[in-house]
PDB file of N, CA and C in Angstrom:
ATOM      1  N   MET A   1      95.785  97.078  83.207  1.00  0.00           N
ATOM      2  CA  MET A   1      94.901  96.075  82.670  1.00  0.00           C
ATOM      3  C   MET A   1      94.175  95.395  83.829  1.00  0.00           C
ATOM      4  N   PRO A   2      92.854  95.376  83.821  1.00  0.00           N
ATOM      5  CA  PRO A   2      92.124  94.754  84.922  1.00  0.00           C
ATOM      6  C   PRO A   2      92.313  93.241  84.922  1.00  0.00           C
ATOM      7  N   VAL A   3      92.314  92.710  86.132  1.00  0.00           N
ATOM      8  CA  VAL A   3      92.478  91.265  86.290  1.00  0.00           C
ATOM      9  C   VAL A   3      91.167  90.660  86.763  1.00  0.00           C
ATOM     10  N   SER A   4      91.068  89.357  86.656  1.00  0.00           N
ATOM     11  CA  SER A   4      89.876  88.650  87.105  1.00  0.00           C
ATOM     12  C   SER A   4      89.762  88.733  88.621  1.00  0.00           C
ATOM     13  N   GLN A   5      88.565  88.578  89.117  1.00  0.00           N
ATOM     14  CA  GLN A   5      88.337  88.569  90.555  1.00  0.00           C
ATOM     15  C   GLN A   5      88.637  87.187  91.111  1.00  0.00           C
ATOM     16  N   GLY A   6      89.079  87.134  92.352  1.00  0.00           N
ATOM     17  CA  GLY A   6      89.301  85.867  93.031  1.00  0.00           C
ATOM     18  C   GLY A   6      90.627  85.216  92.693  1.00  0.00           C
ATOM     19  N   PRO A   7      90.704  83.907  92.885  1.00  0.00           N
ATOM     20  CA  PRO A   7      91.962  83.185  92.687  1.00  0.00           C
ATOM     21  C   PRO A   7      92.514  83.272  91.260  1.00  0.00           C
ATOM     22  N   ALA A   8      91.649  83.418  90.283  1.00  0.00           N
ATOM     23  CA  ALA A   8      92.130  83.536  88.900  1.00  0.00           C
ATOM     24  C   ALA A   8      92.935  84.814  88.711  1.00  0.00           C
ATOM     25  N   GLY A   9      92.525  85.875  89.379  1.00  0.00           N
ATOM     26  CA  GLY A   9      93.257  87.136  89.296  1.00  0.00           C
ATOM     27  C   GLY A   9      94.615  87.057  89.965  1.00  0.00           C
ATOM     28  N   VAL A  10      94.677  86.343  91.084  1.00  0.00           N
ATOM     29  CA  VAL A  10      95.956  86.148  91.768  1.00  0.00           C
ATOM     30  C   VAL A  10      96.900  85.362  90.864  1.00  0.00           C
ATOM     31  N   LYS A  11      96.363  84.366  90.198  1.00  0.00           N
ATOM     32  CA  LYS A  11      97.180  83.550  89.290  1.00  0.00           C
ATOM     33  C   LYS A  11      97.734  84.408  88.143  1.00  0.00           C
ATOM     34  N   GLN A  12      96.900  85.303  87.599  1.00  0.00           N
ATOM     35  CA  GLN A  12      97.349  86.185  86.518  1.00  0.00           C
ATOM     36  C   GLN A  12      98.482  87.098  86.981  1.00  0.00           C
ATOM     37  N   GLU A  13      98.319  87.681  88.172  1.00  0.00           N
ATOM     38  CA  GLU A  13      99.330  88.608  88.681  1.00  0.00           C
ATOM     39  C   GLU A  13     100.632  87.886  89.019  1.00  0.00           C
ATOM     40  N   MET A  14     100.553  86.696  89.571  1.00  0.00           N
ATOM     41  CA  MET A  14     101.767  85.952  89.895  1.00  0.00           C
ATOM     42  C   MET A  14     102.484  85.495  88.621  1.00  0.00           C
ATOM     43  N   HIS A  15     101.720  85.255  87.574  1.00  0.00           N
ATOM     44  CA  HIS A  15     102.340  84.927  86.295  1.00  0.00           C
ATOM     45  C   HIS A  15     103.147  86.124  85.786  1.00  0.00           C
ATOM     46  N   LYS A  16     102.581  87.340  85.954  1.00  0.00           N
ATOM     47  CA  LYS A  16     103.310  88.559  85.573  1.00  0.00           C
ATOM     48  C   LYS A  16     104.589  88.696  86.386  1.00  0.00           C
ATOM     49  N   PHE A  17     104.512  88.368  87.682  1.00  0.00           N
ATOM     50  CA  PHE A  17     105.690  88.461  88.547  1.00  0.00           C
ATOM     51  C   PHE A  17     106.786  87.508  88.081  1.00  0.00           C
ATOM     52  N   LYS A  18     106.403  86.270  87.781  1.00  0.00           N
ATOM     53  CA  LYS A  18     107.389  85.281  87.365  1.00  0.00           C
ATOM     54  C   LYS A  18     108.022  85.651  86.024  1.00  0.00           C
ATOM     55  N   ALA A  19     107.243  86.337  85.173  1.00  0.00           N
ATOM     56  CA  ALA A  19     107.771  86.749  83.878  1.00  0.00           C
ATOM     57  C   ALA A  19     108.570  88.046  83.968  1.00  0.00           C
ATOM     58  N   GLY A  20     108.558  88.692  85.149  1.00  0.00           N
ATOM     59  CA  GLY A  20     109.292  89.942  85.322  1.00  0.00           C
ATOM     60  C   GLY A  20     108.554  91.147  84.789  1.00  0.00           C
ATOM     61  N   GLU A  21     107.233  91.065  84.664  1.00  0.00           N
ATOM     62  CA  GLU A  21     106.436  92.152  84.096  1.00  0.00           C
ATOM     63  C   GLU A  21     105.586  92.879  85.129  1.00  0.00           C
ATOM     64  N   LEU A  22     105.687  92.508  86.410  1.00  0.00           N
ATOM     65  CA  LEU A  22     104.875  93.129  87.445  1.00  0.00           C
ATOM     66  C   LEU A  22     105.587  94.370  87.968  1.00  0.00           C
ATOM     67  N   HIS A  23     104.901  95.496  87.918  1.00  0.00           N
ATOM     68  CA  HIS A  23     105.469  96.768  88.363  1.00  0.00           C
ATOM     69  C   HIS A  23     104.755  97.245  89.614  1.00  0.00           C
ATOM     70  N   SER A  24     105.511  97.891  90.484  1.00  0.00           N
ATOM     71  CA  SER A  24     104.899  98.493  91.666  1.00  0.00           C
ATOM     72  C   SER A  24     104.453  99.904  91.298  1.00  0.00           C
ATOM     73  N   GLY A  25     103.262 100.265  91.727  1.00  0.00           N
ATOM     74  CA  GLY A  25     102.732 101.580  91.382  1.00  0.00           C
ATOM     75  C   GLY A  25     102.124 101.552  90.006  1.00  0.00           C
ATOM     76  N   SER A  26     102.745 102.244  89.075  1.00  0.00           N
ATOM     77  CA  SER A  26     102.216 102.313  87.715  1.00  0.00           C
ATOM     78  C   SER A  26     103.080 101.480  86.773  1.00  0.00           C
ATOM     79  N   LYS A  27     102.754 101.548  85.504  1.00  0.00           N
ATOM     80  CA  LYS A  27     103.498 100.784  84.500  1.00  0.00           C
ATOM     81  C   LYS A  27     104.945 101.264  84.387  1.00  0.00           C
ATOM     82  N   THR A  28     105.200 102.503  84.766  1.00  0.00           N
ATOM     83  CA  THR A  28     106.559 103.036  84.683  1.00  0.00           C
ATOM     84  C   THR A  28     107.337 102.819  85.974  1.00  0.00           C
ATOM     85  N   GLY A  29     106.685 102.281  87.002  1.00  0.00           N
ATOM     86  CA  GLY A  29     107.353 102.038  88.276  1.00  0.00           C
ATOM     87  C   GLY A  29     108.360 100.910  88.163  1.00  0.00           C
ATOM     88  N   PRO A  30     109.152 100.737  89.212  1.00  0.00           N
ATOM     89  CA  PRO A  30     110.154  99.660  89.172  1.00  0.00           C
ATOM     90  C   PRO A  30     109.505  98.286  89.195  1.00  0.00           C
ATOM     91  N   THR A  31     110.183  97.317  88.619  1.00  0.00           N
ATOM     92  CA  THR A  31     109.637  95.962  88.612  1.00  0.00           C
ATOM     93  C   THR A  31     109.767  95.361  90.006  1.00  0.00           C
ATOM     94  N   VAL A  32     108.829  94.510  90.351  1.00  0.00           N
ATOM     95  CA  VAL A  32     108.783  93.888  91.668  1.00  0.00           C
ATOM     96  C   VAL A  32     109.711  92.688  91.673  1.00  0.00           C
ATOM     97  N   THR A  33     110.614  92.626  92.665  1.00  0.00           N
ATOM     98  CA  THR A  33     111.515  91.491  92.799  1.00  0.00           C
ATOM     99  C   THR A  33     111.247  90.712  94.070  1.00  0.00           C
ATOM    100  N   ASN A  34     110.465  91.269  94.979  1.00  0.00           N
ATOM    101  CA  ASN A  34     110.161  90.617  96.250  1.00  0.00           C
ATOM    102  C   ASN A  34     108.867  89.819  96.114  1.00  0.00           C
ATOM    103  N   ARG A  35     108.914  88.539  96.468  1.00  0.00           N
ATOM    104  CA  ARG A  35     107.749  87.668  96.324  1.00  0.00           C
ATOM    105  C   ARG A  35     106.606  88.106  97.229  1.00  0.00           C
ATOM    106  N   LYS A  36     106.910  88.529  98.451  1.00  0.00           N
ATOM    107  CA  LYS A  36     105.861  88.960  99.370  1.00  0.00           C
ATOM    108  C   LYS A  36     105.138  90.201  98.850  1.00  0.00           C
ATOM    109  N   GLN A  37     105.884  91.115  98.254  1.00  0.00           N
ATOM    110  CA  GLN A  37     105.263  92.302  97.670  1.00  0.00           C
ATOM    111  C   GLN A  37     104.392  91.910  96.479  1.00  0.00           C
ATOM    112  N   ALA A  38     104.840  90.942  95.695  1.00  0.00           N
ATOM    113  CA  ALA A  38     104.056  90.479  94.551  1.00  0.00           C
ATOM    114  C   ALA A  38     102.747  89.850  95.007  1.00  0.00           C
ATOM    115  N   ILE A  39     102.788  89.102  96.102  1.00  0.00           N
ATOM    116  CA  ILE A  39     101.573  88.490  96.625  1.00  0.00           C
ATOM    117  C   ILE A  39     100.609  89.568  97.110  1.00  0.00           C
ATOM    118  N   ALA A  40     101.125  90.587  97.785  1.00  0.00           N
ATOM    119  CA  ALA A  40     100.276  91.683  98.270  1.00  0.00           C
ATOM    120  C   ALA A  40      99.620  92.413  97.103  1.00  0.00           C
ATOM    121  N   ILE A  41     100.364  92.668  96.047  1.00  0.00           N
ATOM    122  CA  ILE A  41      99.806  93.337  94.862  1.00  0.00           C
ATOM    123  C   ILE A  41      98.752  92.454  94.212  1.00  0.00           C
ATOM    124  N   ALA A  42      99.029  91.156  94.113  1.00  0.00           N
ATOM    125  CA  ALA A  42      98.091  90.231  93.484  1.00  0.00           C
ATOM    126  C   ALA A  42      96.782  90.165  94.259  1.00  0.00           C
ATOM    127  N   LEU A  43      96.846  90.104  95.580  1.00  0.00           N
ATOM    128  CA  LEU A  43      95.635  90.052  96.392  1.00  0.00           C
ATOM    129  C   LEU A  43      94.832  91.336  96.271  1.00  0.00           C
ATOM    130  N   LYS A  44      95.520  92.469  96.248  1.00  0.00           N
ATOM    131  CA  LYS A  44      94.814  93.750  96.144  1.00  0.00           C
ATOM    132  C   LYS A  44      94.143  93.894  94.784  1.00  0.00           C
ATOM    133  N   GLU A  45      94.844  93.539  93.729  1.00  0.00           N
ATOM    134  CA  GLU A  45      94.288  93.666  92.384  1.00  0.00           C
ATOM    135  C   GLU A  45      93.098  92.731  92.159  1.00  0.00           C
ATOM    136  N   SER A  46      93.118  91.558  92.787  1.00  0.00           N
ATOM    137  CA  SER A  46      92.035  90.603  92.580  1.00  0.00           C
ATOM    138  C   SER A  46      90.880  90.805  93.555  1.00  0.00           C
ATOM    139  N   GLY A  47      91.014  91.760  94.457  1.00  0.00           N
ATOM    140  CA  GLY A  47      89.926  92.060  95.383  1.00  0.00           C
ATOM    141  C   GLY A  47      89.873  91.164  96.594  1.00  0.00           C
ATOM    142  N   GLN A  48      90.937  90.447  96.904  1.00  0.00           N
ATOM    143  CA  GLN A  48      90.936  89.537  98.040  1.00  0.00           C
ATOM    144  C   GLN A  48      91.683  90.086  99.245  1.00  0.00           C
ATOM    145  N   SER A  49      92.282  91.260  99.108  1.00  0.00           N
ATOM    146  CA  SER A  49      93.039  91.827 100.210  1.00  0.00           C
ATOM    147  C   SER A  49      92.114  92.404 101.263  1.00  0.00           C
ATOM    148  N   LYS A  50      92.516  92.280 102.534  1.00  0.00           N
ATOM    149  CA  LYS A  50      91.723  92.895 103.591  1.00  0.00           C
ATOM    150  C   LYS A  50      92.088  94.364 103.753  1.00  0.00           C
ATOM    151  N   TYR A  51      93.129  94.833 103.059  1.00  0.00           N
ATOM    152  CA  TYR A  51      93.539  96.232 103.094  1.00  0.00           C
ATOM    153  C   TYR A  51      93.103  96.920 101.805  1.00  0.00           C
ATOM    154  N   GLY A  52      92.779  98.177 101.885  1.00  0.00           N
ATOM    155  CA  GLY A  52      92.472  98.954 100.699  1.00  0.00           C
ATOM    156  C   GLY A  52      91.098  98.722 100.115  1.00  0.00           C
ATOM    157  N   ASN A  53      90.203  98.107 100.852  1.00  0.00           N
ATOM    158  CA  ASN A  53      88.848  97.887 100.362  1.00  0.00           C
ATOM    159  C   ASN A  53      87.981  99.050 100.818  1.00  0.00           C
ATOM    160  N   SER A  54      87.743 100.005  99.956  1.00  0.00           N
ATOM    161  CA  SER A  54      87.015 101.208 100.344  1.00  0.00           C
ATOM    162  C   SER A  54      85.497 101.029 100.277  1.00  0.00           C
ATOM    163  N   SER A  55      85.026  99.861  99.844  1.00  0.00           N
ATOM    164  CA  SER A  55      83.581  99.674  99.731  1.00  0.00           C
ATOM    165  C   SER A  55      82.931  99.459 101.091  1.00  0.00           C
ATOM    166  N   LYS A  56      83.691  98.966 102.059  1.00  0.00           N
ATOM    167  CA  LYS A  56      83.156  98.763 103.402  1.00  0.00           C
ATOM    168  C   LYS A  56      83.412 100.016 104.220  1.00  0.00           C
ATOM    169  N   LYS A  57      82.373 100.559 104.805  1.00  0.00           N
ATOM    170  CA  LYS A  57      82.526 101.733 105.650  1.00  0.00           C
ATOM    171  C   LYS A  57      82.299 101.316 107.084  1.00  0.00           C
ATOM    172  N   SER A  58      83.199 101.708 107.957  1.00  0.00           N
ATOM    173  CA  SER A  58      83.065 101.325 109.348  1.00  0.00           C
ATOM    174  C   SER A  58      82.266 102.387 110.106  1.00  0.00           C
ATOM    175  N   PHE A  59      81.586 101.951 111.129  1.00  0.00           N
ATOM    176  CA  PHE A  59      80.809 102.849 111.966  1.00  0.00           C
ATOM    177  C   PHE A  59      81.728 103.351 113.065  1.00  0.00           C
ATOM    178  N   LYS A  60      81.909 104.674 113.139  1.00  0.00           N
ATOM    179  CA  LYS A  60      82.841 105.247 114.089  1.00  0.00           C
ATOM    180  C   LYS A  60      82.171 105.699 115.366  1.00  0.00           C
ATOM    181  N   GLY A  61      80.906 105.408 115.529  1.00  0.00           N
ATOM    182  CA  GLY A  61      80.215 105.787 116.755  1.00  0.00           C
ATOM    183  C   GLY A  61      79.618 107.175 116.660  1.00  0.00           C
ATOM    184  N   GLY A  62      78.975 107.579 117.728  1.00  0.00           N
ATOM    185  CA  GLY A  62      78.376 108.903 117.745  1.00  0.00           C
ATOM    186  C   GLY A  62      76.976 108.884 117.186  1.00  0.00           C
ATOM    187  N   TYR A  63      76.274 109.964 117.419  1.00  0.00           N
ATOM    188  CA  TYR A  63      74.887 110.073 116.962  1.00  0.00           C
ATOM    189  C   TYR A  63      74.778 111.153 115.892  1.00  0.00           C
ATOM    190  N   GLN A  64      74.039 110.864 114.857  1.00  0.00           N
ATOM    191  CA  GLN A  64      73.827 111.860 113.810  1.00  0.00           C
ATOM    192  C   GLN A  64      72.415 111.865 113.354  1.00  0.00           C
TER     193      GLN A  64
END
């Protein structure tokens, strides 16, 4: 289920964590019990994580 962008999305995901409904990986994956892992998942799902953002392409140098 898609979450809202920004802080509202983080709030939604942390609510799932507190209710015991946040899963790592897919819906069939194990439930998340670590708070730090829940925060990382929440940031990634809401688009605020600095990791896993494939929309930014870095310039690796060289001439083409």
